[in-house]
Amino acid sequence: MKQWMCGNCGWIYDEAQGDPDSGIAPGTKWEDVPETWACPDCGARKGEFDMVEL
């Protein structure tokens, strides 16, 4: 499982946790997140996220 960080606000999408509040189930891989999904904090689009290694 990987983590992706919003380049605008720093919010982290963790594949293990998903984004249940936005309808993205835990365990959803980044490539399976719809292109229409947006950062829940600032509204940035998926293309504005970068993979991070923590």
N, C-alpha and C. Protein backbone atom coordinates (compact mmCIF):
# COMPACT_ATOMS: atom_id res chain seq x y z
N MET A 1 0.84 -1.18 0.00
CA MET A 1 0.00 0.00 0.00
C MET A 1 0.89 1.24 0.00
N LYS A 2 0.47 2.23 -0.80
CA LYS A 2 1.25 3.45 -0.95
C LYS A 2 0.46 4.64 -0.42
N GLN A 3 1.15 5.75 -0.29
CA GLN A 3 0.53 6.99 0.14
C GLN A 3 0.82 8.08 -0.89
N TRP A 4 -0.15 8.96 -1.06
CA TRP A 4 -0.05 10.03 -2.05
C TRP A 4 -0.37 11.35 -1.34
N MET A 5 0.43 12.38 -1.59
CA MET A 5 0.24 13.66 -0.92
C MET A 5 -0.22 14.73 -1.89
N CYS A 6 -1.20 15.51 -1.44
CA CYS A 6 -1.70 16.63 -2.22
C CYS A 6 -0.61 17.70 -2.31
N GLY A 7 -0.29 18.12 -3.52
CA GLY A 7 0.72 19.14 -3.73
C GLY A 7 0.28 20.53 -3.30
N ASN A 8 -1.03 20.70 -3.07
CA ASN A 8 -1.54 22.01 -2.67
C ASN A 8 -1.60 22.18 -1.15
N CYS A 9 -2.13 21.17 -0.46
CA CYS A 9 -2.37 21.35 0.98
C CYS A 9 -1.66 20.32 1.86
N GLY A 10 -1.09 19.26 1.27
CA GLY A 10 -0.38 18.26 2.07
C GLY A 10 -1.23 17.12 2.60
N TRP A 11 -2.52 17.09 2.25
CA TRP A 11 -3.38 15.99 2.70
C TRP A 11 -2.86 14.69 2.12
N ILE A 12 -2.89 13.63 2.90
CA ILE A 12 -2.35 12.33 2.48
C ILE A 12 -3.48 11.36 2.15
N TYR A 13 -3.44 10.79 0.94
CA TYR A 13 -4.31 9.67 0.59
C TYR A 13 -3.53 8.40 0.86
N ASP A 14 -4.00 7.61 1.79
CA ASP A 14 -3.38 6.34 2.16
C ASP A 14 -4.23 5.22 1.56
N GLU A 15 -3.63 4.42 0.68
CA GLU A 15 -4.39 3.34 0.03
C GLU A 15 -5.02 2.40 1.06
N ALA A 16 -4.36 2.18 2.18
CA ALA A 16 -4.89 1.27 3.21
C ALA A 16 -6.16 1.83 3.84
N GLN A 17 -6.25 3.16 3.94
CA GLN A 17 -7.40 3.79 4.59
C GLN A 17 -8.47 4.24 3.60
N GLY A 18 -8.07 4.51 2.37
CA GLY A 18 -9.01 5.02 1.37
C GLY A 18 -9.51 6.40 1.78
N ASP A 19 -10.69 6.74 1.31
CA ASP A 19 -11.36 8.00 1.68
C ASP A 19 -12.85 7.69 1.77
N PRO A 20 -13.25 6.97 2.83
CA PRO A 20 -14.64 6.52 2.96
C PRO A 20 -15.67 7.66 2.88
N ASP A 21 -15.30 8.84 3.38
CA ASP A 21 -16.24 9.97 3.33
C ASP A 21 -16.55 10.40 1.90
N SER A 22 -15.65 10.06 0.97
CA SER A 22 -15.85 10.38 -0.45
C SER A 22 -16.23 9.16 -1.27
N GLY A 23 -16.52 8.03 -0.59
CA GLY A 23 -16.94 6.83 -1.29
C GLY A 23 -15.81 5.95 -1.79
N ILE A 24 -14.57 6.19 -1.32
CA ILE A 24 -13.42 5.39 -1.72
C ILE A 24 -13.11 4.42 -0.58
N ALA A 25 -13.34 3.14 -0.82
CA ALA A 25 -13.21 2.13 0.23
C ALA A 25 -11.75 1.92 0.65
N PRO A 26 -11.53 1.56 1.93
CA PRO A 26 -10.18 1.19 2.36
C PRO A 26 -9.61 0.09 1.46
N GLY A 27 -8.32 0.19 1.16
CA GLY A 27 -7.68 -0.79 0.29
C GLY A 27 -7.72 -0.44 -1.18
N THR A 28 -8.34 0.70 -1.52
CA THR A 28 -8.42 1.11 -2.93
C THR A 28 -7.08 1.67 -3.39
N LYS A 29 -6.50 1.03 -4.39
CA LYS A 29 -5.23 1.49 -4.95
C LYS A 29 -5.43 2.82 -5.67
N TRP A 30 -4.36 3.61 -5.69
CA TRP A 30 -4.42 4.95 -6.30
C TRP A 30 -4.90 4.90 -7.74
N GLU A 31 -4.42 3.91 -8.50
CA GLU A 31 -4.82 3.84 -9.92
C GLU A 31 -6.31 3.54 -10.08
N ASP A 32 -6.96 3.04 -9.01
CA ASP A 32 -8.38 2.74 -9.07
C ASP A 32 -9.26 3.88 -8.55
N VAL A 33 -8.64 4.92 -8.03
CA VAL A 33 -9.39 6.10 -7.59
C VAL A 33 -9.84 6.85 -8.85
N PRO A 34 -11.12 7.19 -8.96
CA PRO A 34 -11.60 7.85 -10.17
C PRO A 34 -10.92 9.20 -10.42
N GLU A 35 -10.75 9.54 -11.68
CA GLU A 35 -10.14 10.82 -12.05
C GLU A 35 -10.98 12.00 -11.57
N THR A 36 -12.25 11.76 -11.31
CA THR A 36 -13.15 12.84 -10.87
C THR A 36 -13.04 13.11 -9.37
N TRP A 37 -12.33 12.24 -8.64
CA TRP A 37 -12.15 12.42 -7.20
C TRP A 37 -11.30 13.66 -6.95
N ALA A 38 -11.56 14.35 -5.83
CA ALA A 38 -10.79 15.54 -5.48
C ALA A 38 -10.39 15.47 -4.01
N CYS A 39 -9.31 16.17 -3.68
CA CYS A 39 -8.83 16.24 -2.30
C CYS A 39 -9.96 16.73 -1.40
N PRO A 40 -10.23 16.03 -0.30
CA PRO A 40 -11.32 16.44 0.58
C PRO A 40 -11.04 17.74 1.34
N ASP A 41 -9.78 18.14 1.43
CA ASP A 41 -9.45 19.38 2.15
C ASP A 41 -9.46 20.61 1.26
N CYS A 42 -8.88 20.50 0.04
CA CYS A 42 -8.75 21.72 -0.78
C CYS A 42 -9.38 21.61 -2.16
N GLY A 43 -9.82 20.41 -2.55
CA GLY A 43 -10.48 20.26 -3.85
C GLY A 43 -9.54 20.01 -5.01
N ALA A 44 -8.23 19.82 -4.73
CA ALA A 44 -7.27 19.56 -5.80
C ALA A 44 -7.61 18.25 -6.51
N ARG A 45 -7.35 18.20 -7.79
CA ARG A 45 -7.62 17.00 -8.59
C ARG A 45 -6.54 15.95 -8.38
N LYS A 46 -6.85 14.74 -8.74
CA LYS A 46 -5.95 13.60 -8.55
C LYS A 46 -4.57 13.83 -9.16
N GLY A 47 -4.50 14.52 -10.28
CA GLY A 47 -3.23 14.78 -10.94
C GLY A 47 -2.29 15.69 -10.16
N GLU A 48 -2.79 16.32 -9.11
CA GLU A 48 -1.97 17.22 -8.31
C GLU A 48 -1.35 16.52 -7.10
N PHE A 49 -1.48 15.20 -7.04
CA PHE A 49 -0.93 14.41 -5.94
C PHE A 49 0.37 13.74 -6.39
N ASP A 50 1.28 13.57 -5.44
CA ASP A 50 2.55 12.88 -5.69
C ASP A 50 2.70 11.74 -4.69
N MET A 51 3.27 10.62 -5.14
CA MET A 51 3.52 9.50 -4.24
C MET A 51 4.60 9.91 -3.24
N VAL A 52 4.40 9.54 -1.99
CA VAL A 52 5.38 9.83 -0.95
C VAL A 52 5.80 8.55 -0.27
N GLU A 53 7.02 8.52 0.18
CA GLU A 53 7.51 7.40 0.95
C GLU A 53 7.75 7.89 2.36
N LEU A 54 7.01 7.34 3.30
CA LEU A 54 7.12 7.77 4.69
C LEU A 54 7.86 6.74 5.50
